[in-house]
């Protein structure tokens, strides 16, 4: 499976569970950490967990397992590392505090409009 296919599955999974302010940055020219960062917000710790669980489930159905997952204890920021795609699911105020979009502002925004509902 290509990193772009993994990305699409992750974005659709997050959208299906009503993730807020869903953004994708292409960062492969900036770092060796990943090709894409997916950043999503949730309104509660319950939703943070549900969003992360859905990404893990949908990619797992395709045989893709995360290299590592961090943050399930606090449920305020869960990071799922799929090597080429890293998914960040934040509680809204945590996302505002860490401002990953600003830290990685040199990344290229990816148009995900064909994968999400309005």
PDB file of N, CA and C in Angstrom:
ATOM      1  N   UNK A   1       0.843  -1.177   0.000  1.00  0.00           N
ATOM      2  CA  UNK A   1       0.000   0.000   0.000  1.00  0.00           C
ATOM      3  C   UNK A   1       0.888   1.240   0.000  1.00  0.00           C
ATOM      4  N   UNK A   2       0.524   2.218  -0.801  1.00  0.00           N
ATOM      5  CA  UNK A   2       1.316   3.443  -0.876  1.00  0.00           C
ATOM      6  C   UNK A   2       1.001   4.362   0.308  1.00  0.00           C
ATOM      7  N   UNK A   3       1.912   5.291   0.551  1.00  0.00           N
ATOM      8  CA  UNK A   3       1.662   6.244   1.632  1.00  0.00           C
ATOM      9  C   UNK A   3       0.430   7.105   1.334  1.00  0.00           C
ATOM     10  N   UNK A   4       0.190   7.381   0.082  1.00  0.00           N
ATOM     11  CA  UNK A   4      -0.994   8.179  -0.302  1.00  0.00           C
ATOM     12  C   UNK A   4      -2.280   7.407  -0.002  1.00  0.00           C
ATOM     13  N   UNK A   5      -2.280   6.096  -0.224  1.00  0.00           N
ATOM     14  CA  UNK A   5      -3.452   5.276   0.110  1.00  0.00           C
ATOM     15  C   UNK A   5      -3.660   5.219   1.621  1.00  0.00           C
ATOM     16  N   UNK A   6      -2.581   5.081   2.378  1.00  0.00           N
ATOM     17  CA  UNK A   6      -2.680   5.113   3.841  1.00  0.00           C
ATOM     18  C   UNK A   6      -3.249   6.451   4.301  1.00  0.00           C
ATOM     19  N   UNK A   7      -2.768   7.512   3.705  1.00  0.00           N
ATOM     20  CA  UNK A   7      -3.232   8.856   4.032  1.00  0.00           C
ATOM     21  C   UNK A   7      -4.737   8.987   3.788  1.00  0.00           C
ATOM     22  N   UNK A   8      -5.193   8.531   2.642  1.00  0.00           N
ATOM     23  CA  UNK A   8      -6.622   8.619   2.314  1.00  0.00           C
ATOM     24  C   UNK A   8      -7.472   7.845   3.322  1.00  0.00           C
ATOM     25  N   UNK A   9      -7.051   6.654   3.677  1.00  0.00           N
ATOM     26  CA  UNK A   9      -7.794   5.843   4.644  1.00  0.00           C
ATOM     27  C   UNK A   9      -7.853   6.544   5.994  1.00  0.00           C
ATOM     28  N   UNK A  10      -6.728   7.089   6.436  1.00  0.00           N
ATOM     29  CA  UNK A  10      -6.684   7.783   7.726  1.00  0.00           C
ATOM     30  C   UNK A  10      -7.602   8.999   7.725  1.00  0.00           C
ATOM     31  N   UNK A  11      -7.551   9.796   6.668  1.00  0.00           N
ATOM     32  CA  UNK A  11      -8.388  11.000   6.585  1.00  0.00           C
ATOM     33  C   UNK A  11      -9.868  10.622   6.573  1.00  0.00           C
ATOM     34  N   UNK A  12     -10.231   9.627   5.785  1.00  0.00           N
ATOM     35  CA  UNK A  12     -11.630   9.203   5.729  1.00  0.00           C
ATOM     36  C   UNK A  12     -12.102   8.646   7.074  1.00  0.00           C
ATOM     37  N   UNK A  13     -11.230   7.935   7.765  1.00  0.00           N
ATOM     38  CA  UNK A  13     -11.589   7.404   9.083  1.00  0.00           C
ATOM     39  C   UNK A  13     -11.848   8.537  10.059  1.00  0.00           C
ATOM     40  N   UNK A  14     -10.982   9.533  10.073  1.00  0.00           N
ATOM     41  CA  UNK A  14     -11.161  10.677  10.960  1.00  0.00           C
ATOM     42  C   UNK A  14     -12.429  11.445  10.619  1.00  0.00           C
ATOM     43  N   UNK A  15     -12.659  11.641   9.339  1.00  0.00           N
ATOM     44  CA  UNK A  15     -13.858  12.358   8.909  1.00  0.00           C
ATOM     45  C   UNK A  15     -15.129  11.610   9.299  1.00  0.00           C
ATOM     46  N   UNK A  16     -15.091  10.290   9.216  1.00  0.00           N
ATOM     47  CA  UNK A  16     -16.285   9.484   9.528  1.00  0.00           C
ATOM     48  C   UNK A  16     -16.694   9.604  10.992  1.00  0.00           C
ATOM     49  N   UNK A  17     -15.734   9.958  11.844  1.00  0.00           N
ATOM     50  CA  UNK A  17     -16.007  10.123  13.279  1.00  0.00           C
ATOM     51  C   UNK A  17     -16.069  11.594  13.686  1.00  0.00           C
ATOM     52  N   UNK A  18     -16.260  12.460  12.685  1.00  0.00           N
ATOM     53  CA  UNK A  18     -16.491  13.892  12.929  1.00  0.00           C
ATOM     54  C   UNK A  18     -15.301  14.643  13.511  1.00  0.00           C
ATOM     55  N   UNK A  19     -14.094  14.327  13.052  1.00  0.00           N
ATOM     56  CA  UNK A  19     -12.920  15.097  13.455  1.00  0.00           C
ATOM     57  C   UNK A  19     -13.119  16.548  13.041  1.00  0.00           C
ATOM     58  N   UNK A  20     -12.586  17.441  13.838  1.00  0.00           N
ATOM     59  CA  UNK A  20     -12.680  18.874  13.530  1.00  0.00           C
ATOM     60  C   UNK A  20     -11.365  19.382  12.974  1.00  0.00           C
ATOM     61  N   UNK A  21     -11.471  20.389  12.112  1.00  0.00           N
ATOM     62  CA  UNK A  21     -10.304  21.109  11.584  1.00  0.00           C
ATOM     63  C   UNK A  21      -9.224  20.148  11.090  1.00  0.00           C
ATOM     64  N   UNK A  22      -9.621  19.251  10.217  1.00  0.00           N
ATOM     65  CA  UNK A  22      -8.738  18.216   9.679  1.00  0.00           C
ATOM     66  C   UNK A  22      -7.786  18.829   8.655  1.00  0.00           C
ATOM     67  N   UNK A  23      -6.487  18.652   8.896  1.00  0.00           N
ATOM     68  CA  UNK A  23      -5.455  19.199   8.003  1.00  0.00           C
ATOM     69  C   UNK A  23      -4.411  18.127   7.710  1.00  0.00           C
ATOM     70  N   UNK A  24      -3.834  18.217   6.510  1.00  0.00           N
ATOM     71  CA  UNK A  24      -2.727  17.331   6.135  1.00  0.00           C
ATOM     72  C   UNK A  24      -1.607  18.191   5.581  1.00  0.00           C
ATOM     73  N   UNK A  25      -0.405  17.928   6.064  1.00  0.00           N
ATOM     74  CA  UNK A  25       0.789  18.608   5.570  1.00  0.00           C
ATOM     75  C   UNK A  25       1.746  17.585   4.967  1.00  0.00           C
ATOM     76  N   UNK A  26       2.239  17.894   3.788  1.00  0.00           N
ATOM     77  CA  UNK A  26       3.280  17.068   3.161  1.00  0.00           C
ATOM     78  C   UNK A  26       4.613  17.608   3.670  1.00  0.00           C
ATOM     79  N   UNK A  27       5.351  16.775   4.377  1.00  0.00           N
ATOM     80  CA  UNK A  27       6.576  17.240   5.043  1.00  0.00           C
ATOM     81  C   UNK A  27       7.828  16.473   4.604  1.00  0.00           C
ATOM     82  N   UNK A  28       7.720  15.703   3.540  1.00  0.00           N
ATOM     83  CA  UNK A  28       8.841  14.848   3.138  1.00  0.00           C
ATOM     84  C   UNK A  28      10.094  15.630   2.740  1.00  0.00           C
ATOM     85  N   UNK A  29       9.949  16.878   2.317  1.00  0.00           N
ATOM     86  CA  UNK A  29      11.119  17.690   1.978  1.00  0.00           C
ATOM     87  C   UNK A  29      11.757  18.332   3.207  1.00  0.00           C
ATOM     88  N   UNK A  30      11.068  18.240   4.357  1.00  0.00           N
ATOM     89  CA  UNK A  30      11.531  18.924   5.566  1.00  0.00           C
ATOM     90  C   UNK A  30      12.121  17.996   6.620  1.00  0.00           C
ATOM     91  N   UNK A  31      11.741  16.716   6.567  1.00  0.00           N
ATOM     92  CA  UNK A  31      12.136  15.803   7.636  1.00  0.00           C
ATOM     93  C   UNK A  31      12.187  14.367   7.130  1.00  0.00           C
ATOM     94  N   UNK A  32      12.916  13.530   7.845  1.00  0.00           N
ATOM     95  CA  UNK A  32      12.920  12.100   7.551  1.00  0.00           C
ATOM     96  C   UNK A  32      11.897  11.368   8.425  1.00  0.00           C
ATOM     97  N   UNK A  33      11.198  12.109   9.286  1.00  0.00           N
ATOM     98  CA  UNK A  33      10.226  11.489  10.193  1.00  0.00           C
ATOM     99  C   UNK A  33       9.061  10.849   9.453  1.00  0.00           C
ATOM    100  N   UNK A  34       8.579  11.512   8.406  1.00  0.00           N
ATOM    101  CA  UNK A  34       7.396  11.027   7.688  1.00  0.00           C
ATOM    102  C   UNK A  34       7.246  11.796   6.389  1.00  0.00           C
ATOM    103  N   UNK A  35       6.347  11.318   5.548  1.00  0.00           N
ATOM    104  CA  UNK A  35       5.996  12.051   4.335  1.00  0.00           C
ATOM    105  C   UNK A  35       4.820  12.992   4.583  1.00  0.00           C
ATOM    106  N   UNK A  36       3.899  12.554   5.469  1.00  0.00           N
ATOM    107  CA  UNK A  36       2.700  13.340   5.737  1.00  0.00           C
ATOM    108  C   UNK A  36       2.419  13.411   7.229  1.00  0.00           C
ATOM    109  N   UNK A  37       1.939  14.566   7.666  1.00  0.00           N
ATOM    110  CA  UNK A  37       1.374  14.737   9.004  1.00  0.00           C
ATOM    111  C   UNK A  37      -0.112  14.980   8.825  1.00  0.00           C
ATOM    112  N   UNK A  38      -0.915  14.208   9.528  1.00  0.00           N
ATOM    113  CA  UNK A  38      -2.356  14.427   9.579  1.00  0.00           C
ATOM    114  C   UNK A  38      -2.639  15.008  10.959  1.00  0.00           C
ATOM    115  N   UNK A  39      -3.374  16.117  10.992  1.00  0.00           N
ATOM    116  CA  UNK A  39      -3.670  16.791  12.255  1.00  0.00           C
ATOM    117  C   UNK A  39      -5.176  16.973  12.354  1.00  0.00           C
ATOM    118  N   UNK A  40      -5.740  16.500  13.486  1.00  0.00           N
ATOM    119  CA  UNK A  40      -7.190  16.580  13.678  1.00  0.00           C
ATOM    120  C   UNK A  40      -7.484  16.967  15.116  1.00  0.00           C
ATOM    121  N   UNK A  41      -8.640  17.595  15.313  1.00  0.00           N
ATOM    122  CA  UNK A  41      -9.075  17.979  16.653  1.00  0.00           C
ATOM    123  C   UNK A  41     -10.327  17.214  17.049  1.00  0.00           C
ATOM    124  N   UNK A  42     -10.491  17.094  18.379  1.00  0.00           N
ATOM    125  CA  UNK A  42     -11.674  16.462  18.962  1.00  0.00           C
ATOM    126  C   UNK A  42     -12.181  17.348  20.096  1.00  0.00           C
ATOM    127  N   UNK A  43     -13.449  17.182  20.425  1.00  0.00           N
ATOM    128  CA  UNK A  43     -14.066  18.034  21.448  1.00  0.00           C
ATOM    129  C   UNK A  43     -14.001  17.436  22.845  1.00  0.00           C
ATOM    130  N   UNK A  44     -13.605  16.162  22.952  1.00  0.00           N
ATOM    131  CA  UNK A  44     -13.533  15.506  24.264  1.00  0.00           C
ATOM    132  C   UNK A  44     -12.469  14.417  24.219  1.00  0.00           C
ATOM    133  N   UNK A  45     -12.040  13.983  25.402  1.00  0.00           N
ATOM    134  CA  UNK A  45     -11.063  12.889  25.444  1.00  0.00           C
ATOM    135  C   UNK A  45     -11.675  11.605  24.884  1.00  0.00           C
ATOM    136  N   UNK A  46     -12.972  11.435  25.050  1.00  0.00           N
ATOM    137  CA  UNK A  46     -13.660  10.268  24.485  1.00  0.00           C
ATOM    138  C   UNK A  46     -13.557  10.283  22.968  1.00  0.00           C
ATOM    139  N   UNK A  47     -13.746  11.461  22.366  1.00  0.00           N
ATOM    140  CA  UNK A  47     -13.658  11.557  20.912  1.00  0.00           C
ATOM    141  C   UNK A  47     -12.214  11.406  20.436  1.00  0.00           C
ATOM    142  N   UNK A  48     -11.245  11.918  21.189  1.00  0.00           N
ATOM    143  CA  UNK A  48      -9.834  11.729  20.815  1.00  0.00           C
ATOM    144  C   UNK A  48      -9.556  10.231  20.672  1.00  0.00           C
ATOM    145  N   UNK A  49      -9.963   9.462  21.659  1.00  0.00           N
ATOM    146  CA  UNK A  49      -9.743   8.012  21.631  1.00  0.00           C
ATOM    147  C   UNK A  49     -10.503   7.362  20.473  1.00  0.00           C
ATOM    148  N   UNK A  50     -11.762   7.774  20.279  1.00  0.00           N
ATOM    149  CA  UNK A  50     -12.579   7.198  19.196  1.00  0.00           C
ATOM    150  C   UNK A  50     -11.956   7.475  17.828  1.00  0.00           C
ATOM    151  N   UNK A  51     -11.446   8.670  17.628  1.00  0.00           N
ATOM    152  CA  UNK A  51     -10.804   9.009  16.353  1.00  0.00           C
ATOM    153  C   UNK A  51      -9.557   8.157  16.124  1.00  0.00           C
ATOM    154  N   UNK A  52      -8.712   8.071  17.143  1.00  0.00           N
ATOM    155  CA  UNK A  52      -7.492   7.266  17.024  1.00  0.00           C
ATOM    156  C   UNK A  52      -7.833   5.793  16.796  1.00  0.00           C
ATOM    157  N   UNK A  53      -8.819   5.299  17.526  1.00  0.00           N
ATOM    158  CA  UNK A  53      -9.238   3.904  17.362  1.00  0.00           C
ATOM    159  C   UNK A  53      -9.734   3.629  15.944  1.00  0.00           C
ATOM    160  N   UNK A  54     -10.472   4.573  15.373  1.00  0.00           N
ATOM    161  CA  UNK A  54     -11.010   4.381  14.023  1.00  0.00           C
ATOM    162  C   UNK A  54      -9.899   4.348  12.984  1.00  0.00           C
ATOM    163  N   UNK A  55      -8.912   5.213  13.113  1.00  0.00           N
ATOM    164  CA  UNK A  55      -7.768   5.185  12.188  1.00  0.00           C
ATOM    165  C   UNK A  55      -7.060   3.845  12.298  1.00  0.00           C
ATOM    166  N   UNK A  56      -6.800   3.432  13.524  1.00  0.00           N
ATOM    167  CA  UNK A  56      -6.111   2.157  13.748  1.00  0.00           C
ATOM    168  C   UNK A  56      -6.918   0.986  13.176  1.00  0.00           C
ATOM    169  N   UNK A  57      -8.228   1.007  13.368  1.00  0.00           N
ATOM    170  CA  UNK A  57      -9.097  -0.063  12.869  1.00  0.00           C
ATOM    171  C   UNK A  57      -9.107  -0.097  11.337  1.00  0.00           C
ATOM    172  N   UNK A  58      -9.332   1.058  10.709  1.00  0.00           N
ATOM    173  CA  UNK A  58      -9.454   1.099   9.242  1.00  0.00           C
ATOM    174  C   UNK A  58      -8.134   0.731   8.554  1.00  0.00           C
ATOM    175  N   UNK A  59      -7.016   1.213   9.064  1.00  0.00           N
ATOM    176  CA  UNK A  59      -5.741   0.822   8.466  1.00  0.00           C
ATOM    177  C   UNK A  59      -5.422  -0.637   8.780  1.00  0.00           C
ATOM    178  N   UNK A  60      -5.798  -1.087   9.967  1.00  0.00           N
ATOM    179  CA  UNK A  60      -5.610  -2.492  10.331  1.00  0.00           C
ATOM    180  C   UNK A  60      -6.356  -3.441   9.415  1.00  0.00           C
ATOM    181  N   UNK A  61      -7.548  -3.014   8.974  1.00  0.00           N
ATOM    182  CA  UNK A  61      -8.318  -3.828   8.013  1.00  0.00           C
ATOM    183  C   UNK A  61      -7.545  -4.056   6.723  1.00  0.00           C
ATOM    184  N   UNK A  62      -6.670  -3.125   6.392  1.00  0.00           N
ATOM    185  CA  UNK A  62      -5.858  -3.230   5.171  1.00  0.00           C
ATOM    186  C   UNK A  62      -4.493  -3.847   5.454  1.00  0.00           C
ATOM    187  N   UNK A  63      -4.298  -4.325   6.688  1.00  0.00           N
ATOM    188  CA  UNK A  63      -3.045  -4.971   7.042  1.00  0.00           C
ATOM    189  C   UNK A  63      -1.941  -4.008   7.431  1.00  0.00           C
ATOM    190  N   UNK A  64      -2.286  -2.760   7.670  1.00  0.00           N
ATOM    191  CA  UNK A  64      -1.289  -1.754   8.031  1.00  0.00           C
ATOM    192  C   UNK A  64      -1.339  -1.537   9.538  1.00  0.00           C
ATOM    193  N   UNK A  65      -0.218  -1.769  10.199  1.00  0.00           N
ATOM    194  CA  UNK A  65      -0.132  -1.599  11.651  1.00  0.00           C
ATOM    195  C   UNK A  65       0.767  -0.407  11.976  1.00  0.00           C
ATOM    196  N   UNK A  66       0.412   0.300  13.018  1.00  0.00           N
ATOM    197  CA  UNK A  66       1.225   1.430  13.455  1.00  0.00           C
ATOM    198  C   UNK A  66       2.555   0.931  13.999  1.00  0.00           C
ATOM    199  N   UNK A  67       3.623   1.672  13.706  1.00  0.00           N
ATOM    200  CA  UNK A  67       4.934   1.373  14.281  1.00  0.00           C
ATOM    201  C   UNK A  67       4.900   1.678  15.771  1.00  0.00           C
ATOM    202  N   UNK A  68       4.245   2.773  16.122  1.00  0.00           N
ATOM    203  CA  UNK A  68       4.071   3.108  17.530  1.00  0.00           C
ATOM    204  C   UNK A  68       2.846   3.998  17.702  1.00  0.00           C
ATOM    205  N   UNK A  69       2.306   3.946  18.907  1.00  0.00           N
ATOM    206  CA  UNK A  69       1.164   4.785  19.274  1.00  0.00           C
ATOM    207  C   UNK A  69       1.454   5.344  20.655  1.00  0.00           C
ATOM    208  N   UNK A  70       1.325   6.654  20.785  1.00  0.00           N
ATOM    209  CA  UNK A  70       1.582   7.321  22.060  1.00  0.00           C
ATOM    210  C   UNK A  70       0.381   8.168  22.443  1.00  0.00           C
ATOM    211  N   UNK A  71       0.129   8.290  23.729  1.00  0.00           N
ATOM    212  CA  UNK A  71      -0.864   9.225  24.224  1.00  0.00           C
ATOM    213  C   UNK A  71      -2.180   8.646  24.680  1.00  0.00           C
ATOM    214  N   UNK A  72      -2.340   7.326  24.596  1.00  0.00           N
ATOM    215  CA  UNK A  72      -3.627   6.735  25.018  1.00  0.00           C
ATOM    216  C   UNK A  72      -3.894   6.953  26.509  1.00  0.00           C
ATOM    217  N   UNK A  73      -2.838   7.144  27.301  1.00  0.00           N
ATOM    218  CA  UNK A  73      -3.049   7.335  28.736  1.00  0.00           C
ATOM    219  C   UNK A  73      -3.763   8.649  29.013  1.00  0.00           C
ATOM    220  N   UNK A  74      -3.315   9.725  28.406  1.00  0.00           N
ATOM    221  CA  UNK A  74      -3.905  11.039  28.687  1.00  0.00           C
ATOM    222  C   UNK A  74      -5.122  11.329  27.819  1.00  0.00           C
ATOM    223  N   UNK A  75      -5.136  10.793  26.621  1.00  0.00           N
ATOM    224  CA  UNK A  75      -6.205  11.015  25.646  1.00  0.00           C
ATOM    225  C   UNK A  75      -6.394  12.492  25.302  1.00  0.00           C
ATOM    226  N   UNK A  76      -5.339  13.300  25.441  1.00  0.00           N
ATOM    227  CA  UNK A  76      -5.413  14.694  25.017  1.00  0.00           C
ATOM    228  C   UNK A  76      -4.660  14.910  23.705  1.00  0.00           C
ATOM    229  N   UNK A  77      -3.706  14.019  23.413  1.00  0.00           N
ATOM    230  CA  UNK A  77      -2.968  14.039  22.144  1.00  0.00           C
ATOM    231  C   UNK A  77      -2.506  12.611  21.890  1.00  0.00           C
ATOM    232  N   UNK A  78      -3.121  11.974  20.917  1.00  0.00           N
ATOM    233  CA  UNK A  78      -2.704  10.623  20.531  1.00  0.00           C
ATOM    234  C   UNK A  78      -1.990  10.727  19.194  1.00  0.00           C
ATOM    235  N   UNK A  79      -0.806  10.133  19.142  1.00  0.00           N
ATOM    236  CA  UNK A  79       0.016  10.154  17.937  1.00  0.00           C
ATOM    237  C   UNK A  79       0.169   8.722  17.433  1.00  0.00           C
ATOM    238  N   UNK A  80      -0.272   8.491  16.209  1.00  0.00           N
ATOM    239  CA  UNK A  80      -0.168   7.182  15.570  1.00  0.00           C
ATOM    240  C   UNK A  80       0.872   7.280  14.460  1.00  0.00           C
ATOM    241  N   UNK A  81       1.952   6.530  14.594  1.00  0.00           N
ATOM    242  CA  UNK A  81       3.071   6.588  13.658  1.00  0.00           C
ATOM    243  C   UNK A  81       3.014   5.397  12.707  1.00  0.00           C
ATOM    244  N   UNK A  82       2.670   5.692  11.452  1.00  0.00           N
ATOM    245  CA  UNK A  82       2.642   4.674  10.408  1.00  0.00           C
ATOM    246  C   UNK A  82       3.852   4.813   9.482  1.00  0.00           C
ATOM    247  N   UNK A  83       4.922   5.349   9.975  1.00  0.00           N
ATOM    248  CA  UNK A  83       6.212   5.569   9.308  1.00  0.00           C
ATOM    249  C   UNK A  83       6.114   6.682   8.258  1.00  0.00           C
ATOM    250  N   UNK A  84       5.370   6.473   7.174  1.00  0.00           N
ATOM    251  CA  UNK A  84       5.246   7.516   6.150  1.00  0.00           C
ATOM    252  C   UNK A  84       4.135   8.519   6.475  1.00  0.00           C
ATOM    253  N   UNK A  85       3.179   8.092   7.275  1.00  0.00           N
ATOM    254  CA  UNK A  85       2.049   8.934   7.665  1.00  0.00           C
ATOM    255  C   UNK A  85       1.989   8.949   9.192  1.00  0.00           C
ATOM    256  N   UNK A  86       2.030  10.141   9.774  1.00  0.00           N
ATOM    257  CA  UNK A  86       1.880  10.276  11.221  1.00  0.00           C
ATOM    258  C   UNK A  86       0.585  11.023  11.486  1.00  0.00           C
ATOM    259  N   UNK A  87      -0.279  10.410  12.281  1.00  0.00           N
ATOM    260  CA  UNK A  87      -1.588  10.983  12.587  1.00  0.00           C
ATOM    261  C   UNK A  87      -1.558  11.542  14.005  1.00  0.00           C
ATOM    262  N   UNK A  88      -1.903  12.826  14.124  1.00  0.00           N
ATOM    263  CA  UNK A  88      -1.973  13.516  15.413  1.00  0.00           C
ATOM    264  C   UNK A  88      -3.434  13.834  15.693  1.00  0.00           C
ATOM    265  N   UNK A  89      -3.978  13.292  16.781  1.00  0.00           N
ATOM    266  CA  UNK A  89      -5.351  13.582  17.181  1.00  0.00           C
ATOM    267  C   UNK A  89      -5.285  14.329  18.507  1.00  0.00           C
ATOM    268  N   UNK A  90      -5.753  15.559  18.490  1.00  0.00           N
ATOM    269  CA  UNK A  90      -5.648  16.453  19.646  1.00  0.00           C
ATOM    270  C   UNK A  90      -7.003  16.780  20.252  1.00  0.00           C
ATOM    271  N   UNK A  91      -7.027  16.953  21.546  1.00  0.00           N
ATOM    272  CA  UNK A  91      -8.101  17.680  22.185  1.00  0.00           C
ATOM    273  C   UNK A  91      -7.908  19.136  21.738  1.00  0.00           C
ATOM    274  N   UNK A  92      -8.998  19.859  21.469  1.00  0.00           N
ATOM    275  CA  UNK A  92      -8.892  21.179  20.843  1.00  0.00           C
ATOM    276  C   UNK A  92      -7.898  22.117  21.538  1.00  0.00           C
ATOM    277  N   UNK A  93      -7.961  22.226  22.873  1.00  0.00           N
ATOM    278  CA  UNK A  93      -7.061  23.163  23.555  1.00  0.00           C
ATOM    279  C   UNK A  93      -5.599  22.707  23.505  1.00  0.00           C
ATOM    280  N   UNK A  94      -5.350  21.407  23.449  1.00  0.00           N
ATOM    281  CA  UNK A  94      -3.976  20.896  23.302  1.00  0.00           C
ATOM    282  C   UNK A  94      -3.426  21.262  21.928  1.00  0.00           C
ATOM    283  N   UNK A  95      -4.256  21.166  20.913  1.00  0.00           N
ATOM    284  CA  UNK A  95      -3.814  21.528  19.562  1.00  0.00           C
ATOM    285  C   UNK A  95      -3.440  23.005  19.502  1.00  0.00           C
ATOM    286  N   UNK A  96      -4.256  23.842  20.117  1.00  0.00           N
ATOM    287  CA  UNK A  96      -3.945  25.270  20.155  1.00  0.00           C
ATOM    288  C   UNK A  96      -2.620  25.518  20.870  1.00  0.00           C
ATOM    289  N   UNK A  97      -2.373  24.798  21.943  1.00  0.00           N
ATOM    290  CA  UNK A  97      -1.151  24.978  22.720  1.00  0.00           C
ATOM    291  C   UNK A  97       0.095  24.565  21.926  1.00  0.00           C
ATOM    292  N   UNK A  98       0.067  23.401  21.297  1.00  0.00           N
ATOM    293  CA  UNK A  98       1.254  22.886  20.609  1.00  0.00           C
ATOM    294  C   UNK A  98       1.452  23.456  19.207  1.00  0.00           C
ATOM    295  N   UNK A  99       0.378  23.852  18.540  1.00  0.00           N
ATOM    296  CA  UNK A  99       0.438  24.529  17.240  1.00  0.00           C
ATOM    297  C   UNK A  99       1.357  23.850  16.222  1.00  0.00           C
ATOM    298  N   UNK A 100       1.118  22.571  15.985  1.00  0.00           N
ATOM    299  CA  UNK A 100       1.954  21.842  15.021  1.00  0.00           C
ATOM    300  C   UNK A 100       1.941  22.471  13.634  1.00  0.00           C
ATOM    301  N   UNK A 101       0.798  23.023  13.241  1.00  0.00           N
ATOM    302  CA  UNK A 101       0.729  23.642  11.913  1.00  0.00           C
ATOM    303  C   UNK A 101       1.726  24.790  11.793  1.00  0.00           C
ATOM    304  N   UNK A 102       1.965  25.507  12.893  1.00  0.00           N
ATOM    305  CA  UNK A 102       2.930  26.604  12.864  1.00  0.00           C
ATOM    306  C   UNK A 102       4.360  26.082  12.907  1.00  0.00           C
ATOM    307  N   UNK A 103       4.592  25.034  13.696  1.00  0.00           N
ATOM    308  CA  UNK A 103       5.933  24.440  13.744  1.00  0.00           C
ATOM    309  C   UNK A 103       6.352  23.892  12.386  1.00  0.00           C
ATOM    310  N   UNK A 104       5.380  23.347  11.650  1.00  0.00           N
ATOM    311  CA  UNK A 104       5.648  22.749  10.345  1.00  0.00           C
ATOM    312  C   UNK A 104       5.046  23.596   9.229  1.00  0.00           C
ATOM    313  N   UNK A 105       5.071  24.914   9.395  1.00  0.00           N
ATOM    314  CA  UNK A 105       4.453  25.835   8.437  1.00  0.00           C
ATOM    315  C   UNK A 105       5.089  25.754   7.047  1.00  0.00           C
ATOM    316  N   UNK A 106       6.305  25.266   6.953  1.00  0.00           N
ATOM    317  CA  UNK A 106       6.952  25.116   5.648  1.00  0.00           C
ATOM    318  C   UNK A 106       6.465  23.872   4.901  1.00  0.00           C
ATOM    319  N   UNK A 107       5.662  23.047   5.572  1.00  0.00           N
ATOM    320  CA  UNK A 107       5.075  21.890   4.901  1.00  0.00           C
ATOM    321  C   UNK A 107       4.045  22.345   3.882  1.00  0.00           C
ATOM    322  N   UNK A 108       3.791  21.497   2.917  1.00  0.00           N
ATOM    323  CA  UNK A 108       2.831  21.813   1.860  1.00  0.00           C
ATOM    324  C   UNK A 108       1.448  21.284   2.238  1.00  0.00           C
ATOM    325  N   UNK A 109       0.442  22.168   2.320  1.00  0.00           N
ATOM    326  CA  UNK A 109      -0.919  21.696   2.611  1.00  0.00           C
ATOM    327  C   UNK A 109      -1.401  20.765   1.500  1.00  0.00           C
ATOM    328  N   UNK A 110      -2.078  19.699   1.893  1.00  0.00           N
ATOM    329  CA  UNK A 110      -2.610  18.727   0.939  1.00  0.00           C
ATOM    330  C   UNK A 110      -4.119  18.926   0.844  1.00  0.00           C
ATOM    331  N   UNK A 111      -4.623  18.984  -0.386  1.00  0.00           N
ATOM    332  CA  UNK A 111      -6.066  19.129  -0.598  1.00  0.00           C
ATOM    333  C   UNK A 111      -6.740  17.785  -0.311  1.00  0.00           C
ATOM    334  N   UNK A 112      -7.571  17.747   0.721  1.00  0.00           N
ATOM    335  CA  UNK A 112      -8.260  16.514   1.104  1.00  0.00           C
ATOM    336  C   UNK A 112      -9.759  16.618   0.852  1.00  0.00           C
ATOM    337  N   UNK A 113     -10.180  17.640   0.109  1.00  0.00           N
ATOM    338  CA  UNK A 113     -11.607  17.897  -0.065  1.00  0.00           C
ATOM    339  C   UNK A 113     -12.357  16.719  -0.716  1.00  0.00           C
ATOM    340  N   UNK A 114     -11.692  15.933  -1.533  1.00  0.00           N
ATOM    341  CA  UNK A 114     -12.372  14.799  -2.173  1.00  0.00           C
ATOM    342  C   UNK A 114     -12.565  13.619  -1.208  1.00  0.00           C
ATOM    343  N   UNK A 115     -11.904  13.661  -0.066  1.00  0.00           N
ATOM    344  CA  UNK A 115     -11.981  12.558   0.899  1.00  0.00           C
ATOM    345  C   UNK A 115     -12.901  12.854   2.083  1.00  0.00           C
ATOM    346  N   UNK A 116     -13.302  14.114   2.237  1.00  0.00           N
ATOM    347  CA  UNK A 116     -14.109  14.489   3.409  1.00  0.00           C
ATOM    348  C   UNK A 116     -15.477  15.005   2.987  1.00  0.00           C
ATOM    349  N   UNK A 117     -16.414  14.880   3.917  1.00  0.00           N
ATOM    350  CA  UNK A 117     -17.743  15.423   3.693  1.00  0.00           C
ATOM    351  C   UNK A 117     -17.794  16.833   4.255  1.00  0.00           C
ATOM    352  N   UNK A 118     -18.694  17.625   3.734  1.00  0.00           N
ATOM    353  CA  UNK A 118     -18.811  19.015   4.221  1.00  0.00           C
ATOM    354  C   UNK A 118     -19.584  19.138   5.475  1.00  0.00           C
TER     355      UNK A 118
END
